[in-house]
Amino acid sequence: MKTRITEMFGIEHPIIQGGMHYVGFAEMAAAVSNAGGMGTITGLTLGTPEKLADEIARCKDMTDKPFAVNLTFLPSLTPPDYPGLVAAIIKGGVKVVETAGRNPQQVLPALKDAGIKVIHKCTSVRHSLKAQEIGCDAVSVDGFECGGHPGEDDIPNMILLPRAADELEIPFVASGGMADARSLVASLSMGADGMNMGTRFIATKEAPVHDNVKAAIVAASELDTRLVMRPLRNTERVMTNEAVEELLRIEKEKGADLKFEDIIEKVAGVYPKIMMEGAMDEGAWSCGMVAGLIDDIPTCKELIDRIMSEADALINERLKAMAA
């Protein structure tokens, strides 16, 4: 399948693995890229330029296919060494960067001068247009269904994707609620040039997370995510567990007086214990509603091959028959 995204990034299939904290290591990125999609290393999980450089080198040892590095720009009193991380990406010969969070304009000149393509994750049409304006090559349009931070507009992809298609000139991929061939074909029909999957890729054999995490996703229904930190306007969609339900109780009890410090123990620094040790009630971890569509743990190649085969059947059999 050829789209503007496959052509831009030099990949076989229009499927991207988004950056995910304590998931996007070299093993994950290489497995997706080797299967014909585009894998992504999560820069801030590595933390330092030196560790990121080592991870990029490890990934290159595992694949000769294109892969991306995610850089998320977050408000912080002690921000990461973004110039150092960018330098490691450039020196490592990475061809694509997925940016997220705040405006990535500060790093665009260096990335563009190095010939690196930039795809920025956006949760609204206005942010997508801003990304286009500042020179991003593509955007990942993230609907309200997504795991992680869906923004504050609450617009689902059935509305957001066609609106993006109406306004954007650069290519975009659909993100949030993506799991299978139906997701891909629907996204293409609404104007996207591919899809970005997060939660679905956690439930794969190569995902470098504890088996408890994969089992939790497979066991979950579409009703098992919660929105936390809404009163702080930093909404995050997470998998429900004891810590999350307690967090929501605190939010309700504090009301307008809620401060981040009231819930920090349940949202900050919990990922290593959850993802690496499988301590599933330790705190809040990002998970999409799409968990309700996930019922197995295939290899990345099995997953991507299945998606593309079933997408071909949907397009050339089911939809074509309806047009007859």
Protein backbone atom coordinates (compact mmCIF):
# COMPACT_ATOMS: atom_id res chain seq x y z
CA MET A 1 0.00 0.00 0.00
CA LYS A 2 1.38 3.38 -1.04
CA THR A 3 0.37 6.62 0.68
CA ARG A 4 2.02 9.98 1.19
CA ILE A 5 3.26 8.68 4.55
CA THR A 6 4.88 5.51 3.19
CA GLU A 7 6.55 7.57 0.48
CA MET A 8 7.75 10.28 2.89
CA PHE A 9 9.23 7.90 5.45
CA GLY A 10 10.36 5.13 3.10
CA ILE A 11 8.30 2.41 4.78
CA GLU A 12 6.30 -0.47 3.31
CA HIS A 13 3.08 -0.12 5.30
CA PRO A 14 1.38 3.08 6.59
CA ILE A 15 1.57 1.98 10.23
CA ILE A 16 3.57 3.84 12.87
CA GLN A 17 4.32 2.79 16.44
CA GLY A 18 3.99 5.92 18.53
CA GLY A 19 6.41 6.93 21.24
CA MET A 20 5.44 5.40 24.60
CA HIS A 21 7.15 5.84 27.95
CA TYR A 22 9.07 2.72 29.02
CA VAL A 23 7.80 0.86 25.92
CA GLY A 24 9.67 2.53 23.07
CA PHE A 25 13.02 0.83 23.44
CA ALA A 26 15.14 -0.51 20.57
CA GLU A 27 13.49 -3.96 20.70
CA MET A 28 10.06 -2.46 20.10
CA ALA A 29 11.11 -0.01 17.40
CA ALA A 30 13.16 -2.57 15.47
CA ALA A 31 10.39 -5.18 15.55
CA VAL A 32 7.85 -2.75 14.06
CA SER A 33 10.27 -1.46 11.44
CA ASN A 34 11.34 -4.97 10.44
CA ALA A 35 7.64 -5.81 9.97
CA GLY A 36 7.27 -3.00 7.43
CA GLY A 37 5.93 -0.24 9.65
CA MET A 38 7.88 2.47 11.44
CA GLY A 39 8.98 1.88 15.01
CA THR A 40 9.77 4.65 17.47
CA ILE A 41 12.29 4.98 20.30
CA THR A 42 11.01 7.16 23.16
CA GLY A 43 13.71 9.73 23.81
CA LEU A 44 12.68 10.89 27.27
CA THR A 45 12.57 7.32 28.60
CA LEU A 46 16.30 7.14 27.92
CA GLY A 47 16.73 10.58 29.46
CA THR A 48 20.29 11.53 28.53
CA PRO A 49 21.93 12.08 25.13
CA GLU A 50 24.45 9.34 25.88
CA LYS A 51 21.80 6.72 26.66
CA LEU A 52 19.72 7.76 23.65
CA ALA A 53 22.78 7.45 21.40
CA ASP A 54 23.38 3.94 22.72
CA GLU A 55 19.73 2.99 22.14
CA ILE A 56 19.80 4.32 18.57
CA ALA A 57 22.94 2.26 17.94
CA ARG A 58 21.28 -0.85 19.42
CA CYS A 59 18.25 -0.33 17.17
CA LYS A 60 20.47 0.02 14.11
CA ASP A 61 22.05 -3.31 15.01
CA MET A 62 18.56 -4.87 14.94
CA THR A 63 17.14 -3.27 11.78
CA ASP A 64 18.27 -1.58 8.59
CA LYS A 65 14.79 -0.11 8.09
CA PRO A 66 13.72 3.46 8.96
CA PHE A 67 12.73 4.16 12.56
CA ALA A 68 11.86 7.32 14.47
CA VAL A 69 12.77 8.89 17.80
CA ASN A 70 10.07 10.56 19.88
CA LEU A 71 10.82 13.85 21.63
CA THR A 72 8.08 15.09 23.94
CA PHE A 73 8.29 18.68 25.15
CA LEU A 74 6.92 19.02 28.65
CA PRO A 75 6.79 21.95 31.10
CA SER A 76 9.48 21.33 33.71
CA LEU A 77 11.60 23.22 36.21
CA THR A 78 14.52 21.02 35.18
CA PRO A 79 13.96 20.29 31.48
CA PRO A 80 15.81 17.47 29.71
CA ASP A 81 18.88 18.28 27.63
CA TYR A 82 16.91 18.77 24.43
CA PRO A 83 19.87 20.15 22.42
CA GLY A 84 21.93 17.12 23.48
CA LEU A 85 19.11 14.72 22.58
CA VAL A 86 18.73 16.36 19.17
CA ALA A 87 22.48 16.11 18.60
CA ALA A 88 22.37 12.38 19.46
CA ILE A 89 19.51 11.86 16.99
CA ILE A 90 21.38 13.66 14.22
CA LYS A 91 24.68 11.92 14.90
CA GLY A 92 22.90 8.57 15.06
CA GLY A 93 21.59 9.00 11.52
CA VAL A 94 17.89 8.83 12.49
CA LYS A 95 15.70 9.96 9.58
CA VAL A 96 12.39 10.70 11.38
CA VAL A 97 11.49 12.45 14.64
CA GLU A 98 8.06 12.29 16.24
CA THR A 99 7.51 15.37 18.39
CA ALA A 100 4.75 15.76 20.96
CA GLY A 101 3.63 18.03 23.77
CA ARG A 102 4.52 21.68 23.39
CA ASN A 103 5.50 23.48 20.19
CA PRO A 104 8.64 21.83 18.73
CA GLN A 105 9.79 24.95 16.89
CA GLN A 106 12.99 25.21 18.96
CA VAL A 107 14.40 21.99 17.49
CA LEU A 108 13.12 22.23 13.92
CA PRO A 109 16.05 24.17 12.40
CA ALA A 110 18.63 21.63 13.55
CA LEU A 111 16.49 18.66 12.49
CA LYS A 112 15.59 20.14 9.11
CA ASP A 113 19.21 21.08 8.38
CA ALA A 114 20.09 17.42 8.98
CA GLY A 115 17.43 16.28 6.50
CA ILE A 116 15.25 14.74 9.21
CA LYS A 117 11.49 14.51 8.68
CA VAL A 118 9.35 15.71 11.59
CA ILE A 119 5.87 14.40 12.43
CA HIS A 120 4.18 16.27 15.28
CA LYS A 121 1.43 14.77 17.42
CA CYS A 122 -1.62 17.05 17.70
CA THR A 123 -4.99 16.76 19.44
CA SER A 124 -6.77 19.49 17.47
CA VAL A 125 -7.04 20.95 13.98
CA ARG A 126 -5.68 24.31 15.15
CA HIS A 127 -2.56 22.69 16.59
CA SER A 128 -2.16 20.65 13.38
CA LEU A 129 -2.31 23.83 11.31
CA LYS A 130 0.29 25.43 13.58
CA ALA A 131 2.56 22.42 13.09
CA GLN A 132 2.14 22.79 9.34
CA GLU A 133 2.88 26.52 9.55
CA ILE A 134 6.16 26.10 11.46
CA GLY A 135 7.44 23.51 9.00
CA CYS A 136 6.55 20.04 10.29
CA ASP A 137 6.46 17.52 7.45
CA ALA A 138 3.44 15.60 8.77
CA VAL A 139 1.18 15.39 11.79
CA SER A 140 -0.30 12.59 13.88
CA VAL A 141 -3.88 13.59 14.66
CA ASP A 142 -4.75 12.23 18.10
CA GLY A 143 -8.44 11.73 18.86
CA PHE A 144 -10.19 11.74 22.24
CA GLU A 145 -10.13 7.91 22.30
CA CYS A 146 -6.35 7.83 22.67
CA GLY A 147 -4.30 6.64 25.60
CA GLY A 148 -2.20 9.33 27.23
CA HIS A 149 -3.03 13.01 26.77
CA PRO A 150 -6.04 13.67 24.49
CA GLY A 151 -6.02 17.44 24.96
CA GLU A 152 -8.98 19.33 26.35
CA ASP A 153 -11.35 19.52 23.35
CA ASP A 154 -12.77 15.98 23.61
CA ILE A 155 -13.18 15.54 19.85
CA PRO A 156 -13.26 11.89 18.69
CA ASN A 157 -11.66 10.75 15.46
CA MET A 158 -14.90 10.39 13.49
CA ILE A 159 -15.03 14.19 13.57
CA LEU A 160 -11.38 15.14 14.04
CA LEU A 161 -9.95 13.24 11.07
CA PRO A 162 -12.31 14.64 8.40
CA ARG A 163 -11.80 18.12 9.85
CA ALA A 164 -8.04 17.67 9.61
CA ALA A 165 -8.41 16.48 6.02
CA ASP A 166 -10.44 19.58 5.20
CA GLU A 167 -7.77 21.94 6.54
CA LEU A 168 -4.33 20.36 6.15
CA GLU A 169 -2.06 20.27 3.13
CA ILE A 170 0.65 18.09 4.70
CA PRO A 171 0.04 14.36 5.23
CA PHE A 172 -1.35 13.12 8.52
CA VAL A 173 -1.90 9.81 10.27
CA ALA A 174 -4.78 8.86 12.55
CA SER A 175 -3.92 8.21 16.18
CA GLY A 176 -6.14 7.11 19.06
CA GLY A 177 -8.42 4.08 18.81
CA MET A 178 -6.29 2.38 16.15
CA ALA A 179 -5.99 -1.41 16.42
CA ASP A 180 -6.75 -3.31 13.23
CA ALA A 181 -7.58 -3.26 9.52
CA ARG A 182 -10.92 -1.57 10.21
CA SER A 183 -9.06 1.26 11.93
CA LEU A 184 -6.71 1.68 8.99
CA VAL A 185 -9.35 1.58 6.25
CA ALA A 186 -11.64 3.93 8.16
CA SER A 187 -8.76 6.36 8.70
CA LEU A 188 -7.83 6.29 5.03
CA SER A 189 -11.46 6.92 4.07
CA MET A 190 -11.51 10.02 6.28
CA GLY A 191 -8.42 11.51 4.65
CA ALA A 192 -5.52 10.13 6.69
CA ASP A 193 -2.47 8.62 5.01
CA GLY A 194 -1.91 5.95 7.66
CA MET A 195 -2.31 5.25 11.35
CA ASN A 196 -0.32 5.46 14.55
CA MET A 197 -0.84 2.71 17.14
CA GLY A 198 0.26 2.82 20.77
CA THR A 199 -1.73 0.55 23.07
CA ARG A 200 -2.08 -2.14 20.36
CA PHE A 201 1.71 -2.42 20.07
CA ILE A 202 2.14 -2.88 23.83
CA ALA A 203 0.23 -6.15 23.49
CA THR A 204 2.79 -7.77 21.20
CA LYS A 205 5.40 -10.39 21.91
CA GLU A 206 8.33 -8.04 21.31
CA ALA A 207 7.05 -5.22 23.52
CA PRO A 208 9.67 -4.92 26.30
CA VAL A 209 7.14 -4.68 29.14
CA HIS A 210 6.06 -7.07 31.90
CA ASP A 211 3.59 -9.79 30.93
CA ASN A 212 1.16 -8.37 33.53
CA VAL A 213 0.83 -5.22 31.40
CA LYS A 214 0.02 -7.18 28.26
CA ALA A 215 -2.46 -9.36 30.16
CA ALA A 216 -4.20 -6.27 31.56
CA ILE A 217 -4.72 -4.87 28.06
CA VAL A 218 -6.07 -8.15 26.71
CA ALA A 219 -8.43 -8.51 29.69
CA ALA A 220 -9.72 -4.93 29.49
CA SER A 221 -12.87 -3.77 27.74
CA GLU A 222 -13.53 -0.38 26.19
CA LEU A 223 -15.00 0.63 29.56
CA ASP A 224 -11.80 0.16 31.55
CA THR A 225 -9.99 3.44 31.00
CA ARG A 226 -10.36 6.59 33.10
CA LEU A 227 -9.61 10.26 32.55
CA VAL A 228 -7.41 11.69 35.30
CA MET A 229 -6.07 15.21 35.96
CA ARG A 230 -9.01 16.84 34.19
CA PRO A 231 -9.35 19.51 36.90
CA LEU A 232 -5.72 20.45 36.26
CA ARG A 233 -6.32 20.69 32.50
CA ASN A 234 -3.67 18.04 31.96
CA THR A 235 -6.10 15.24 31.10
CA GLU A 236 -4.67 11.77 30.69
CA ARG A 237 -6.46 8.58 29.67
CA VAL A 238 -5.19 5.67 31.77
CA MET A 239 -6.03 2.08 32.62
CA THR A 240 -8.18 1.77 35.70
CA ASN A 241 -6.69 0.19 38.81
CA GLU A 242 -6.80 0.73 42.56
CA ALA A 243 -4.43 3.69 42.48
CA VAL A 244 -6.38 5.39 39.68
CA GLU A 245 -9.71 4.98 41.47
CA GLU A 246 -8.13 6.48 44.61
CA LEU A 247 -6.74 9.32 42.51
CA LEU A 248 -10.23 10.08 41.16
CA ARG A 249 -11.59 10.02 44.70
CA ILE A 250 -9.00 12.62 45.73
CA GLU A 251 -9.84 14.77 42.72
CA LYS A 252 -13.52 14.71 43.63
CA GLU A 253 -12.85 15.41 47.30
CA LYS A 254 -10.49 18.33 46.64
CA GLY A 255 -12.59 19.86 43.90
CA ALA A 256 -11.40 23.31 42.85
CA ASP A 257 -8.65 23.17 45.50
CA LEU A 258 -6.88 20.22 43.82
CA LYS A 259 -3.14 20.65 43.32
CA PHE A 260 -0.76 18.37 41.45
CA GLU A 261 1.00 17.65 44.73
CA ASP A 262 -2.18 15.95 45.98
CA ILE A 263 -1.87 13.18 43.38
CA ILE A 264 1.81 13.21 42.44
CA GLU A 265 2.57 9.83 44.04
CA LYS A 266 0.05 8.15 41.74
CA VAL A 267 1.19 9.71 38.47
CA ALA A 268 4.89 10.56 38.74
CA GLY A 269 7.70 8.03 38.54
CA VAL A 270 5.44 4.97 38.44
CA TYR A 271 6.26 3.71 34.95
CA PRO A 272 9.38 1.67 35.79
CA LYS A 273 7.50 -0.29 38.47
CA ILE A 274 4.48 -0.89 36.23
CA MET A 275 6.12 -1.54 32.87
CA MET A 276 9.25 -3.30 34.08
CA GLU A 277 8.11 -5.02 37.29
CA GLY A 278 4.40 -5.57 36.52
CA ALA A 279 3.17 -3.81 39.69
CA MET A 280 -0.20 -3.07 38.15
CA ASP A 281 -1.73 -1.08 41.03
CA GLU A 282 1.29 1.18 41.50
CA GLY A 283 -0.23 4.16 39.71
CA ALA A 284 -1.66 5.61 36.51
CA TRP A 285 -0.38 4.40 33.14
CA SER A 286 -1.53 5.49 29.71
CA CYS A 287 -3.90 3.15 27.89
CA GLY A 288 -6.41 3.77 25.11
CA MET A 289 -10.05 2.76 24.88
CA VAL A 290 -8.85 0.55 22.03
CA ALA A 291 -7.94 -2.05 24.66
CA GLY A 292 -11.51 -3.25 24.11
CA LEU A 293 -10.50 -4.37 20.60
CA ILE A 294 -7.36 -6.24 21.68
CA ASP A 295 -7.67 -9.93 22.52
CA ASP A 296 -4.33 -11.47 21.59
CA ILE A 297 -0.56 -10.96 21.81
CA PRO A 298 0.90 -11.54 18.34
CA THR A 299 4.38 -10.71 17.08
CA CYS A 300 4.66 -7.31 15.42
CA LYS A 301 5.01 -9.01 12.04
CA GLU A 302 1.92 -11.16 12.62
CA LEU A 303 -0.03 -8.07 13.66
CA ILE A 304 1.02 -5.87 10.75
CA ASP A 305 0.67 -8.65 8.16
CA ARG A 306 -2.84 -9.35 9.48
CA ILE A 307 -3.81 -5.70 9.34
CA MET A 308 -2.60 -5.26 5.79
CA SER A 309 -4.17 -8.51 4.55
CA GLU A 310 -7.52 -7.72 6.12
CA ALA A 311 -7.35 -4.09 4.91
CA ASP A 312 -6.87 -5.35 1.37
CA ALA A 313 -9.91 -7.62 1.74
CA LEU A 314 -12.02 -4.79 3.17
CA ILE A 315 -11.13 -2.44 0.33
CA ASN A 316 -11.22 -4.89 -2.57
CA GLU A 317 -14.01 -7.19 -1.47
CA ARG A 318 -16.46 -5.73 1.04
CA LEU A 319 -16.36 -2.07 -0.04
CA LYS A 320 -15.93 -2.83 -3.73
CA ALA A 321 -18.97 -5.12 -3.63
CA MET A 322 -21.03 -2.30 -2.15
CA ALA A 323 -20.03 0.00 -5.01
CA ALA A 324 -21.13 -2.48 -7.67
